[in-house]
Amino acid sequence: MEHARAQDLAQLNDLLHSGEHKVVVINFELTSDEFFNLVSYWGDRGAKVKKRMADF
């Protein structure tokens, strides 16, 4: 299955909640607070955040 690209924070959370995609690319700007809250929340649920070239 190909990766999904989230265009905003709501779509990112929806894609991650669905569990349908192994990889979800953050394709928008995040503040540092949004990023760390996102990593903290999803990291506790087993998600991994990786930097791939210029994207996370």
PDB file of N, CA and C in Angstrom:
ATOM      1  N   MET A   1       0.851  -1.181   0.000  1.00  0.00           N
ATOM      2  CA  MET A   1       0.000   0.000   0.000  1.00  0.00           C
ATOM      3  C   MET A   1       0.892   1.239   0.000  1.00  0.00           C
ATOM      4  N   GLU A   2       0.575   2.190  -0.839  1.00  0.00           N
ATOM      5  CA  GLU A   2       1.355   3.419  -0.922  1.00  0.00           C
ATOM      6  C   GLU A   2       1.050   4.323   0.268  1.00  0.00           C
ATOM      7  N   HIS A   3       1.986   5.200   0.561  1.00  0.00           N
ATOM      8  CA  HIS A   3       1.804   6.098   1.694  1.00  0.00           C
ATOM      9  C   HIS A   3       0.744   7.160   1.400  1.00  0.00           C
ATOM     10  N   ALA A   4       0.210   7.719   2.474  1.00  0.00           N
ATOM     11  CA  ALA A   4      -0.771   8.795   2.376  1.00  0.00           C
ATOM     12  C   ALA A   4      -0.087  10.102   2.750  1.00  0.00           C
ATOM     13  N   ARG A   5      -0.566  11.196   2.187  1.00  0.00           N
ATOM     14  CA  ARG A   5      -0.028  12.517   2.487  1.00  0.00           C
ATOM     15  C   ARG A   5      -1.123  13.352   3.148  1.00  0.00           C
ATOM     16  N   ALA A   6      -0.853  13.785   4.365  1.00  0.00           N
ATOM     17  CA  ALA A   6      -1.810  14.615   5.094  1.00  0.00           C
ATOM     18  C   ALA A   6      -1.577  16.082   4.753  1.00  0.00           C
ATOM     19  N   GLN A   7      -2.661  16.799   4.463  1.00  0.00           N
ATOM     20  CA  GLN A   7      -2.583  18.214   4.081  1.00  0.00           C
ATOM     21  C   GLN A   7      -2.805  19.157   5.251  1.00  0.00           C
ATOM     22  N   ASP A   8      -3.321  18.632   6.366  1.00  0.00           N
ATOM     23  CA  ASP A   8      -3.504  19.447   7.567  1.00  0.00           C
ATOM     24  C   ASP A   8      -3.557  18.528   8.781  1.00  0.00           C
ATOM     25  N   LEU A   9      -3.569  19.121   9.961  1.00  0.00           N
ATOM     26  CA  LEU A   9      -3.506  18.359  11.207  1.00  0.00           C
ATOM     27  C   LEU A   9      -4.721  17.444  11.387  1.00  0.00           C
ATOM     28  N   ALA A  10      -5.898  17.918  11.026  1.00  0.00           N
ATOM     29  CA  ALA A  10      -7.106  17.098  11.157  1.00  0.00           C
ATOM     30  C   ALA A  10      -7.021  15.859  10.264  1.00  0.00           C
ATOM     31  N   GLN A  11      -6.579  16.051   9.026  1.00  0.00           N
ATOM     32  CA  GLN A  11      -6.448  14.921   8.101  1.00  0.00           C
ATOM     33  C   GLN A  11      -5.373  13.948   8.585  1.00  0.00           C
ATOM     34  N   LEU A  12      -4.287  14.472   9.126  1.00  0.00           N
ATOM     35  CA  LEU A  12      -3.223  13.622   9.663  1.00  0.00           C
ATOM     36  C   LEU A  12      -3.768  12.726  10.768  1.00  0.00           C
ATOM     37  N   ASN A  13      -4.497  13.303  11.712  1.00  0.00           N
ATOM     38  CA  ASN A  13      -5.072  12.515  12.799  1.00  0.00           C
ATOM     39  C   ASN A  13      -6.084  11.497  12.279  1.00  0.00           C
ATOM     40  N   ASP A  14      -6.895  11.879  11.305  1.00  0.00           N
ATOM     41  CA  ASP A  14      -7.865  10.943  10.717  1.00  0.00           C
ATOM     42  C   ASP A  14      -7.151   9.761  10.062  1.00  0.00           C
ATOM     43  N   LEU A  15      -6.106  10.044   9.298  1.00  0.00           N
ATOM     44  CA  LEU A  15      -5.365   8.972   8.621  1.00  0.00           C
ATOM     45  C   LEU A  15      -4.695   8.043   9.625  1.00  0.00           C
ATOM     46  N   LEU A  16      -4.123   8.609  10.675  1.00  0.00           N
ATOM     47  CA  LEU A  16      -3.471   7.783  11.685  1.00  0.00           C
ATOM     48  C   LEU A  16      -4.497   6.964  12.470  1.00  0.00           C
ATOM     49  N   HIS A  17      -5.632   7.573  12.808  1.00  0.00           N
ATOM     50  CA  HIS A  17      -6.691   6.852  13.532  1.00  0.00           C
ATOM     51  C   HIS A  17      -7.248   5.701  12.705  1.00  0.00           C
ATOM     52  N   SER A  18      -7.319   5.867  11.389  1.00  0.00           N
ATOM     53  CA  SER A  18      -7.929   4.841  10.541  1.00  0.00           C
ATOM     54  C   SER A  18      -7.110   3.551  10.536  1.00  0.00           C
ATOM     55  N   GLY A  19      -5.799   3.669  10.682  1.00  0.00           N
ATOM     56  CA  GLY A  19      -4.947   2.486  10.654  1.00  0.00           C
ATOM     57  C   GLY A  19      -4.814   1.862   9.281  1.00  0.00           C
ATOM     58  N   GLU A  20      -5.303   2.523   8.247  1.00  0.00           N
ATOM     59  CA  GLU A  20      -5.284   1.972   6.892  1.00  0.00           C
ATOM     60  C   GLU A  20      -3.942   2.147   6.183  1.00  0.00           C
ATOM     61  N   HIS A  21      -3.111   3.056   6.680  1.00  0.00           N
ATOM     62  CA  HIS A  21      -1.853   3.359   6.000  1.00  0.00           C
ATOM     63  C   HIS A  21      -0.675   3.056   6.908  1.00  0.00           C
ATOM     64  N   LYS A  22       0.311   2.370   6.341  1.00  0.00           N
ATOM     65  CA  LYS A  22       1.511   2.080   7.121  1.00  0.00           C
ATOM     66  C   LYS A  22       2.359   3.341   7.279  1.00  0.00           C
ATOM     67  N   VAL A  23       2.330   4.204   6.272  1.00  0.00           N
ATOM     68  CA  VAL A  23       3.115   5.446   6.282  1.00  0.00           C
ATOM     69  C   VAL A  23       2.195   6.622   5.978  1.00  0.00           C
ATOM     70  N   VAL A  24       2.269   7.655   6.814  1.00  0.00           N
ATOM     71  CA  VAL A  24       1.542   8.901   6.567  1.00  0.00           C
ATOM     72  C   VAL A  24       2.573  10.029   6.582  1.00  0.00           C
ATOM     73  N   VAL A  25       2.688  10.748   5.479  1.00  0.00           N
ATOM     74  CA  VAL A  25       3.649  11.841   5.336  1.00  0.00           C
ATOM     75  C   VAL A  25       2.986  13.150   5.748  1.00  0.00           C
ATOM     76  N   ILE A  26       3.676  13.914   6.594  1.00  0.00           N
ATOM     77  CA  ILE A  26       3.198  15.238   6.998  1.00  0.00           C
ATOM     78  C   ILE A  26       3.570  16.202   5.873  1.00  0.00           C
ATOM     79  N   ASN A  27       2.566  16.649   5.137  1.00  0.00           N
ATOM     80  CA  ASN A  27       2.786  17.470   3.951  1.00  0.00           C
ATOM     81  C   ASN A  27       2.293  18.902   4.177  1.00  0.00           C
ATOM     82  N   PHE A  28       2.600  19.445   5.365  1.00  0.00           N
ATOM     83  CA  PHE A  28       2.202  20.808   5.707  1.00  0.00           C
ATOM     84  C   PHE A  28       3.100  21.299   6.835  1.00  0.00           C
ATOM     85  N   GLU A  29       3.068  22.589   7.073  1.00  0.00           N
ATOM     86  CA  GLU A  29       3.887  23.190   8.126  1.00  0.00           C
ATOM     87  C   GLU A  29       3.238  22.976   9.492  1.00  0.00           C
ATOM     88  N   LEU A  30       4.060  22.613  10.463  1.00  0.00           N
ATOM     89  CA  LEU A  30       3.616  22.462  11.848  1.00  0.00           C
ATOM     90  C   LEU A  30       4.433  23.395  12.728  1.00  0.00           C
ATOM     91  N   THR A  31       3.814  23.921  13.760  1.00  0.00           N
ATOM     92  CA  THR A  31       4.600  24.647  14.760  1.00  0.00           C
ATOM     93  C   THR A  31       5.352  23.606  15.587  1.00  0.00           C
ATOM     94  N   SER A  32       6.360  24.024  16.310  1.00  0.00           N
ATOM     95  CA  SER A  32       7.107  23.074  17.139  1.00  0.00           C
ATOM     96  C   SER A  32       6.199  22.479  18.217  1.00  0.00           C
ATOM     97  N   ASP A  33       5.296  23.271  18.783  1.00  0.00           N
ATOM     98  CA  ASP A  33       4.362  22.755  19.787  1.00  0.00           C
ATOM     99  C   ASP A  33       3.445  21.688  19.189  1.00  0.00           C
ATOM    100  N   GLU A  34       2.905  21.942  17.988  1.00  0.00           N
ATOM    101  CA  GLU A  34       2.048  20.958  17.328  1.00  0.00           C
ATOM    102  C   GLU A  34       2.821  19.670  17.056  1.00  0.00           C
ATOM    103  N   PHE A  35       4.061  19.815  16.592  1.00  0.00           N
ATOM    104  CA  PHE A  35       4.883  18.650  16.277  1.00  0.00           C
ATOM    105  C   PHE A  35       5.123  17.805  17.524  1.00  0.00           C
ATOM    106  N   PHE A  36       5.561  18.427  18.613  1.00  0.00           N
ATOM    107  CA  PHE A  36       5.871  17.654  19.814  1.00  0.00           C
ATOM    108  C   PHE A  36       4.627  17.063  20.460  1.00  0.00           C
ATOM    109  N   ASN A  37       3.493  17.759  20.406  1.00  0.00           N
ATOM    110  CA  ASN A  37       2.236  17.179  20.900  1.00  0.00           C
ATOM    111  C   ASN A  37       1.836  15.969  20.057  1.00  0.00           C
ATOM    112  N   LEU A  38       1.994  16.093  18.754  1.00  0.00           N
ATOM    113  CA  LEU A  38       1.677  15.007  17.837  1.00  0.00           C
ATOM    114  C   LEU A  38       2.564  13.787  18.108  1.00  0.00           C
ATOM    115  N   VAL A  39       3.853  14.013  18.228  1.00  0.00           N
ATOM    116  CA  VAL A  39       4.796  12.921  18.478  1.00  0.00           C
ATOM    117  C   VAL A  39       4.523  12.272  19.836  1.00  0.00           C
ATOM    118  N   SER A  40       4.235  13.070  20.820  1.00  0.00           N
ATOM    119  CA  SER A  40       3.949  12.541  22.150  1.00  0.00           C
ATOM    120  C   SER A  40       2.690  11.677  22.135  1.00  0.00           C
ATOM    121  N   TYR A  41       1.624  12.190  21.546  1.00  0.00           N
ATOM    122  CA  TYR A  41       0.352  11.463  21.501  1.00  0.00           C
ATOM    123  C   TYR A  41       0.480  10.158  20.723  1.00  0.00           C
ATOM    124  N   TRP A  42       0.988  10.244  19.487  1.00  0.00           N
ATOM    125  CA  TRP A  42       1.050   9.056  18.638  1.00  0.00           C
ATOM    126  C   TRP A  42       2.186   8.124  19.032  1.00  0.00           C
ATOM    127  N   GLY A  43       3.242   8.655  19.597  1.00  0.00           N
ATOM    128  CA  GLY A  43       4.334   7.806  20.084  1.00  0.00           C
ATOM    129  C   GLY A  43       3.866   6.890  21.201  1.00  0.00           C
ATOM    130  N   ASP A  44       3.008   7.390  22.064  1.00  0.00           N
ATOM    131  CA  ASP A  44       2.437   6.572  23.139  1.00  0.00           C
ATOM    132  C   ASP A  44       1.566   5.447  22.584  1.00  0.00           C
ATOM    133  N   ARG A  45       1.130   5.577  21.352  1.00  0.00           N
ATOM    134  CA  ARG A  45       0.271   4.573  20.719  1.00  0.00           C
ATOM    135  C   ARG A  45       1.040   3.699  19.730  1.00  0.00           C
ATOM    136  N   GLY A  46       2.371   3.815  19.745  1.00  0.00           N
ATOM    137  CA  GLY A  46       3.204   2.936  18.927  1.00  0.00           C
ATOM    138  C   GLY A  46       3.634   3.489  17.581  1.00  0.00           C
ATOM    139  N   ALA A  47       3.220   4.706  17.244  1.00  0.00           N
ATOM    140  CA  ALA A  47       3.632   5.280  15.960  1.00  0.00           C
ATOM    141  C   ALA A  47       5.083   5.735  16.030  1.00  0.00           C
ATOM    142  N   LYS A  48       5.743   5.701  14.897  1.00  0.00           N
ATOM    143  CA  LYS A  48       7.126   6.167  14.810  1.00  0.00           C
ATOM    144  C   LYS A  48       7.177   7.352  13.860  1.00  0.00           C
ATOM    145  N   VAL A  49       7.960   8.351  14.213  1.00  0.00           N
ATOM    146  CA  VAL A  49       8.141   9.522  13.359  1.00  0.00           C
ATOM    147  C   VAL A  49       9.554   9.468  12.816  1.00  0.00           C
ATOM    148  N   LYS A  50       9.649   9.515  11.492  1.00  0.00           N
ATOM    149  CA  LYS A  50      10.963   9.456  10.832  1.00  0.00           C
ATOM    150  C   LYS A  50      11.061  10.599   9.844  1.00  0.00           C
ATOM    151  N   LYS A  51      12.238  11.143   9.710  1.00  0.00           N
ATOM    152  CA  LYS A  51      12.471  12.174   8.700  1.00  0.00           C
ATOM    153  C   LYS A  51      12.940  11.485   7.434  1.00  0.00           C
ATOM    154  N   ARG A  52      12.271  11.780   6.343  1.00  0.00           N
ATOM    155  CA  ARG A  52      12.631  11.225   5.042  1.00  0.00           C
ATOM    156  C   ARG A  52      12.855  12.381   4.095  1.00  0.00           C
ATOM    157  N   MET A  53      14.108  12.616   3.777  1.00  0.00           N
ATOM    158  CA  MET A  53      14.521  13.776   2.984  1.00  0.00           C
ATOM    159  C   MET A  53      14.058  15.040   3.711  1.00  0.00           C
ATOM    160  N   ALA A  54      13.167  15.827   3.115  1.00  0.00           N
ATOM    161  CA  ALA A  54      12.710  17.062   3.748  1.00  0.00           C
ATOM    162  C   ALA A  54      11.404  16.876   4.515  1.00  0.00           C
ATOM    163  N   ASP A  55      10.823  15.673   4.449  1.00  0.00           N
ATOM    164  CA  ASP A  55       9.515  15.411   5.073  1.00  0.00           C
ATOM    165  C   ASP A  55       9.663  14.542   6.313  1.00  0.00           C
ATOM    166  N   PHE A  56       8.639  14.622   7.172  1.00  0.00           N
ATOM    167  CA  PHE A  56       8.525  13.700   8.307  1.00  0.00           C
ATOM    168  C   PHE A  56       7.402  12.735   8.006  1.00  0.00           C
TER     169      PHE A  56
END
